[in-house]
Amino acid sequence: MTLRLLIVDDEQLAIDRLSELLNDIDTVEVVGTASTARAAQAAITQLRPDLVLLDIQMPGKSGMSLASDLPEDQRPEIVFVTAFEHFAPDAFAVDAADYLLKPVRFDRLRQAIIRAQRRIDLVAAAERGETVLHEHSRYLREIWVSVRDGQVRLDVDLVDWIEAAKDYVLFHTATRSYLHRISMNALEERLDPCALMRVHRSAFVRPALVEKMERPAKGVLNLVLRDGVIVQVGPSYVKDVLRALLPADG
């Protein structure tokens, strides 16, 4: 299935950059662009895109307000694209599929599109009364985690990295962290290694979020994530991590 996509940004250079990246993703078709929330709302009504890449700060009405005001029957999947991290809690409060920081990297854009497609597939299947079977259906897709006033369902796709905390683990997302009682070994058996890779006996990371690899000392390898978090790679995991992150000729 090809996703029909609308790009909304008040800067033409940003639209051009996203369009260039999208040219290398054959599962999407850019059906239009818009530079204001008003024009975007009209385009959504007319073009009925499956997915909107939506800037947040624009003249007049913001992208966040547009997403909040869209009628349910007109609402496509939304991926916010912004230069500011502090909008992330609001983005997920309006049920955005993802949240990309400028300058947008190709791997993160592709990941966001895959996530949006998965959400669309789930909704379509639910409307048909079907159960969606993923290629990796044996892997954990969501997990109930405790919060102050009860429990919430955490989408595993929102987890950036995981660290051990004695008999618990901490799931770190873009907006907050969740404590859950489970062993790292038990978790490894249920997680898709392509999505969350174990890099240490005490840590998993999402490969798409690794921005830099550092070697501060002989025999030491650290991964620097998009938000600046540094995760050390365990000695027994180094070869697998390098094989996963570096190109075949790297």
Protein backbone atom coordinates (compact mmCIF):
# COMPACT_ATOMS: atom_id res chain seq x y z
CA MET A 1 0.00 0.00 0.00
CA THR A 2 1.28 3.47 -0.91
CA LEU A 3 0.72 6.17 1.70
CA ARG A 4 -0.67 9.44 0.36
CA LEU A 5 1.30 12.14 2.17
CA LEU A 6 0.87 15.90 2.71
CA ILE A 7 3.79 18.12 3.80
CA VAL A 8 2.96 21.20 5.89
CA ASP A 9 5.67 23.74 6.73
CA ASP A 10 5.95 27.51 6.45
CA GLU A 11 9.53 27.25 5.12
CA GLN A 12 9.96 26.16 1.50
CA LEU A 13 13.46 24.86 2.23
CA ALA A 14 12.00 22.48 4.82
CA ILE A 15 9.39 21.26 2.33
CA ASP A 16 12.08 20.74 -0.31
CA ARG A 17 14.27 18.83 2.17
CA LEU A 18 11.45 16.48 3.18
CA SER A 19 10.44 15.99 -0.45
CA GLU A 20 14.00 15.04 -1.32
CA LEU A 21 14.16 12.47 1.49
CA LEU A 22 10.77 11.05 0.57
CA ASN A 23 11.92 10.45 -3.00
CA ASP A 24 13.94 7.54 -1.62
CA ILE A 25 10.95 5.92 0.10
CA ASP A 26 8.87 4.06 -2.46
CA THR A 27 5.95 3.42 -0.09
CA VAL A 28 4.82 7.08 -0.07
CA GLU A 29 3.39 9.51 -2.59
CA VAL A 30 3.49 13.25 -1.84
CA VAL A 31 0.05 14.47 -2.91
CA GLY A 32 0.46 18.10 -1.83
CA THR A 33 2.13 20.75 0.32
CA ALA A 34 0.87 23.64 2.41
CA SER A 35 2.54 26.53 4.24
CA THR A 36 -0.19 27.50 6.74
CA ALA A 37 -2.58 25.61 8.99
CA ARG A 38 -5.54 27.08 7.10
CA ALA A 39 -4.20 25.84 3.75
CA ALA A 40 -3.35 22.50 5.34
CA GLN A 41 -6.88 22.03 6.64
CA ALA A 42 -8.28 22.73 3.18
CA ALA A 43 -5.79 20.30 1.61
CA ILE A 44 -6.68 17.58 4.12
CA THR A 45 -10.36 17.98 3.29
CA GLN A 46 -9.75 17.96 -0.46
CA LEU A 47 -6.91 15.45 -0.83
CA ARG A 48 -7.69 13.06 2.05
CA PRO A 49 -4.03 12.15 2.73
CA ASP A 50 -3.16 9.11 4.84
CA LEU A 51 -0.31 10.92 6.58
CA VAL A 52 0.63 14.54 7.25
CA LEU A 53 4.16 15.72 8.08
CA LEU A 54 3.19 18.76 10.13
CA ASP A 55 5.31 21.65 11.33
CA ILE A 56 4.27 23.05 14.72
CA GLN A 57 5.28 26.71 14.70
CA MET A 58 3.67 28.51 11.76
CA PRO A 59 2.19 31.98 11.24
CA GLY A 60 -1.33 32.16 12.59
CA LYS A 61 -2.72 28.84 13.79
CA SER A 62 -0.11 26.33 14.97
CA GLY A 63 0.24 22.79 13.71
CA MET A 64 -0.63 21.53 17.20
CA SER A 65 -3.93 23.43 17.15
CA LEU A 66 -4.69 22.13 13.67
CA ALA A 67 -4.17 18.53 14.76
CA SER A 68 -6.38 19.05 17.82
CA ASP A 69 -9.20 20.61 15.78
CA LEU A 70 -9.37 18.09 12.94
CA PRO A 71 -12.68 16.20 12.89
CA GLU A 72 -12.31 12.49 13.62
CA ASP A 73 -13.57 11.48 10.19
CA GLN A 74 -11.01 13.75 8.47
CA ARG A 75 -8.03 13.04 10.67
CA PRO A 76 -5.04 11.43 8.92
CA GLU A 77 -2.04 10.10 10.81
CA ILE A 78 0.11 12.99 12.04
CA VAL A 79 3.89 13.13 12.32
CA PHE A 80 5.07 16.42 13.79
CA VAL A 81 8.28 17.92 12.39
CA THR A 82 9.83 20.68 14.46
CA ALA A 83 13.10 22.18 15.64
CA PHE A 84 11.94 22.22 19.28
CA GLU A 85 11.98 19.25 21.68
CA HIS A 86 9.66 20.78 24.30
CA PHE A 87 6.54 20.25 22.18
CA ALA A 88 6.86 16.44 22.45
CA PRO A 89 4.43 15.96 25.39
CA ASP A 90 1.73 17.94 23.56
CA ALA A 91 2.37 16.02 20.35
CA PHE A 92 1.69 12.64 21.91
CA ALA A 93 -1.28 14.09 23.84
CA VAL A 94 -3.00 14.57 20.46
CA ASP A 95 -2.07 11.00 19.49
CA ALA A 96 0.62 11.81 16.95
CA ALA A 97 2.25 8.82 15.28
CA ASP A 98 5.73 10.27 15.78
CA TYR A 99 7.74 13.40 16.51
CA LEU A 100 10.74 14.33 14.36
CA LEU A 101 13.35 16.95 15.14
CA LYS A 102 14.84 19.15 12.43
CA PRO A 103 17.10 18.61 10.63
CA VAL A 104 15.24 15.38 9.86
CA ARG A 105 17.36 12.29 9.32
CA PHE A 106 16.37 9.78 6.67
CA ASP A 107 16.35 6.80 9.06
CA ARG A 108 14.05 8.57 11.52
CA LEU A 109 11.72 9.69 8.73
CA ARG A 110 11.48 6.16 7.40
CA GLN A 111 10.84 4.84 10.91
CA ALA A 112 8.03 7.37 11.39
CA ILE A 113 6.39 6.34 8.12
CA ILE A 114 6.59 2.66 9.08
CA ARG A 115 4.99 3.50 12.43
CA ALA A 116 2.20 5.47 10.75
CA GLN A 117 1.55 2.61 8.32
CA ARG A 118 1.32 0.16 11.21
CA ARG A 119 -1.24 2.37 12.95
CA ILE A 120 -3.29 2.64 9.76
CA ASP A 121 -3.19 -1.13 9.31
CA LEU A 122 -4.35 -1.68 12.91
CA VAL A 123 -7.29 0.70 12.52
CA ALA A 124 -8.33 -0.88 9.21
CA ALA A 125 -8.14 -4.35 10.70
CA ALA A 126 -10.14 -3.31 13.75
CA GLU A 127 -12.85 -1.88 11.50
CA ARG A 128 -13.02 -5.23 9.70
CA GLY A 129 -13.04 -7.10 12.99
CA GLU A 130 -9.73 -8.76 12.19
CA THR A 131 -6.54 -9.39 14.12
CA VAL A 132 -3.43 -7.97 12.49
CA LEU A 133 -0.63 -10.53 12.13
CA HIS A 134 2.75 -8.87 11.83
CA GLU A 135 5.76 -10.54 10.31
CA HIS A 136 7.23 -10.52 13.81
CA SER A 137 3.97 -11.17 15.67
CA ARG A 138 5.75 -13.11 18.38
CA TYR A 139 7.44 -9.91 19.51
CA LEU A 140 6.05 -7.63 22.18
CA ARG A 141 4.12 -4.70 20.69
CA GLU A 142 2.80 -3.09 23.86
CA ILE A 143 3.07 -3.50 27.61
CA TRP A 144 1.09 -2.34 30.63
CA VAL A 145 3.25 -0.21 32.93
CA SER A 146 2.47 1.34 36.30
CA VAL A 147 1.94 5.07 36.81
CA ARG A 148 0.92 7.02 39.91
CA ASP A 149 -2.84 6.57 39.47
CA GLY A 150 -2.93 3.11 37.88
CA GLN A 151 -1.53 1.57 34.70
CA VAL A 152 -1.14 2.71 31.09
CA ARG A 153 -0.57 0.80 27.88
CA LEU A 154 2.91 1.61 26.53
CA ASP A 155 3.52 1.19 22.79
CA VAL A 156 6.95 -0.46 22.47
CA ASP A 157 7.57 1.61 19.32
CA LEU A 158 7.71 4.71 21.54
CA VAL A 159 10.60 3.35 23.64
CA ASP A 160 13.96 4.96 22.80
CA TRP A 161 16.12 2.87 25.13
CA ILE A 162 15.89 0.61 28.17
CA GLU A 163 18.12 0.26 31.20
CA ALA A 164 18.16 -2.19 34.09
CA ALA A 165 17.30 -0.96 37.59
CA LYS A 166 17.91 -3.88 40.00
CA ASP A 167 14.83 -6.13 39.66
CA TYR A 168 13.15 -3.62 37.34
CA VAL A 169 13.75 -1.96 33.99
CA LEU A 170 13.26 1.64 32.95
CA PHE A 171 11.54 2.24 29.59
CA HIS A 172 12.72 5.64 28.34
CA THR A 173 10.49 7.42 25.80
CA ALA A 174 10.74 10.89 24.29
CA THR A 175 8.37 12.27 26.92
CA ARG A 176 8.97 10.29 30.13
CA SER A 177 10.28 7.07 31.68
CA TYR A 178 8.34 4.09 33.05
CA LEU A 179 9.44 1.58 35.69
CA HIS A 180 8.44 -2.04 35.14
CA ARG A 181 9.26 -5.28 36.94
CA ILE A 182 10.82 -7.72 34.46
CA SER A 183 14.29 -9.18 33.90
CA MET A 184 16.47 -8.07 31.01
CA ASN A 185 16.77 -11.66 29.76
CA ALA A 186 12.99 -12.14 29.76
CA LEU A 187 12.61 -8.85 27.94
CA GLU A 188 15.20 -9.81 25.32
CA GLU A 189 13.14 -12.87 24.41
CA ARG A 190 10.09 -10.69 23.67
CA LEU A 191 11.63 -7.68 21.89
CA ASP A 192 12.29 -7.40 18.16
CA PRO A 193 16.12 -7.13 18.02
CA CYS A 194 15.91 -5.00 14.89
CA ALA A 195 13.84 -2.41 16.75
CA LEU A 196 15.43 -2.55 20.22
CA MET A 197 18.89 -4.06 20.24
CA ARG A 198 20.57 -5.31 23.39
CA VAL A 199 23.94 -3.58 23.69
CA HIS A 200 24.83 -4.39 27.29
CA ARG A 201 23.60 -6.79 29.96
CA SER A 202 21.92 -3.69 31.41
CA ALA A 203 20.74 -1.84 28.29
CA PHE A 204 18.80 -1.92 25.03
CA VAL A 205 18.80 0.91 22.48
CA ARG A 206 16.80 1.70 19.36
CA PRO A 207 19.38 1.56 16.53
CA ALA A 208 17.62 4.27 14.51
CA LEU A 209 18.25 6.75 17.34
CA VAL A 210 22.02 6.23 17.53
CA GLU A 211 23.66 9.41 16.23
CA LYS A 212 27.28 8.77 17.14
CA MET A 213 29.68 6.07 18.31
CA GLU A 214 32.50 7.11 20.61
CA ARG A 215 35.64 5.30 21.80
CA PRO A 216 36.75 7.24 24.91
CA ALA A 217 39.30 4.56 25.85
CA LYS A 218 40.82 1.39 24.48
CA GLY A 219 38.24 -1.38 24.37
CA VAL A 220 35.36 0.97 25.26
CA LEU A 221 32.49 1.76 22.88
CA ASN A 222 29.74 4.24 23.72
CA LEU A 223 26.56 5.01 21.76
CA VAL A 224 25.29 8.59 21.76
CA LEU A 225 21.53 8.78 21.20
CA ARG A 226 19.52 11.56 19.58
CA ASP A 227 18.72 13.21 22.92
CA GLY A 228 22.35 13.13 24.08
CA VAL A 229 22.08 10.02 26.27
CA ILE A 230 25.27 7.96 26.29
CA VAL A 231 24.93 4.18 26.57
CA GLN A 232 27.99 1.99 27.02
CA VAL A 233 28.24 -1.16 24.92
CA GLY A 234 29.19 -4.30 26.82
CA PRO A 235 32.39 -6.02 25.63
CA SER A 236 30.54 -9.15 24.52
CA TYR A 237 28.07 -7.07 22.47
CA VAL A 238 30.54 -4.89 20.55
CA LYS A 239 30.83 -7.05 17.43
CA ASP A 240 27.06 -7.44 17.06
CA VAL A 241 26.49 -3.72 17.62
CA LEU A 242 29.07 -2.70 15.01
CA ARG A 243 27.66 -5.23 12.56
CA ALA A 244 24.16 -3.80 13.05
CA LEU A 245 25.07 -0.12 12.89
CA LEU A 246 27.82 0.02 10.27
CA PRO A 247 27.37 -0.66 6.54
CA ALA A 248 28.75 -3.93 5.22
CA ASP A 249 31.84 -2.17 3.87
CA GLY A 250 32.28 -0.05 7.02
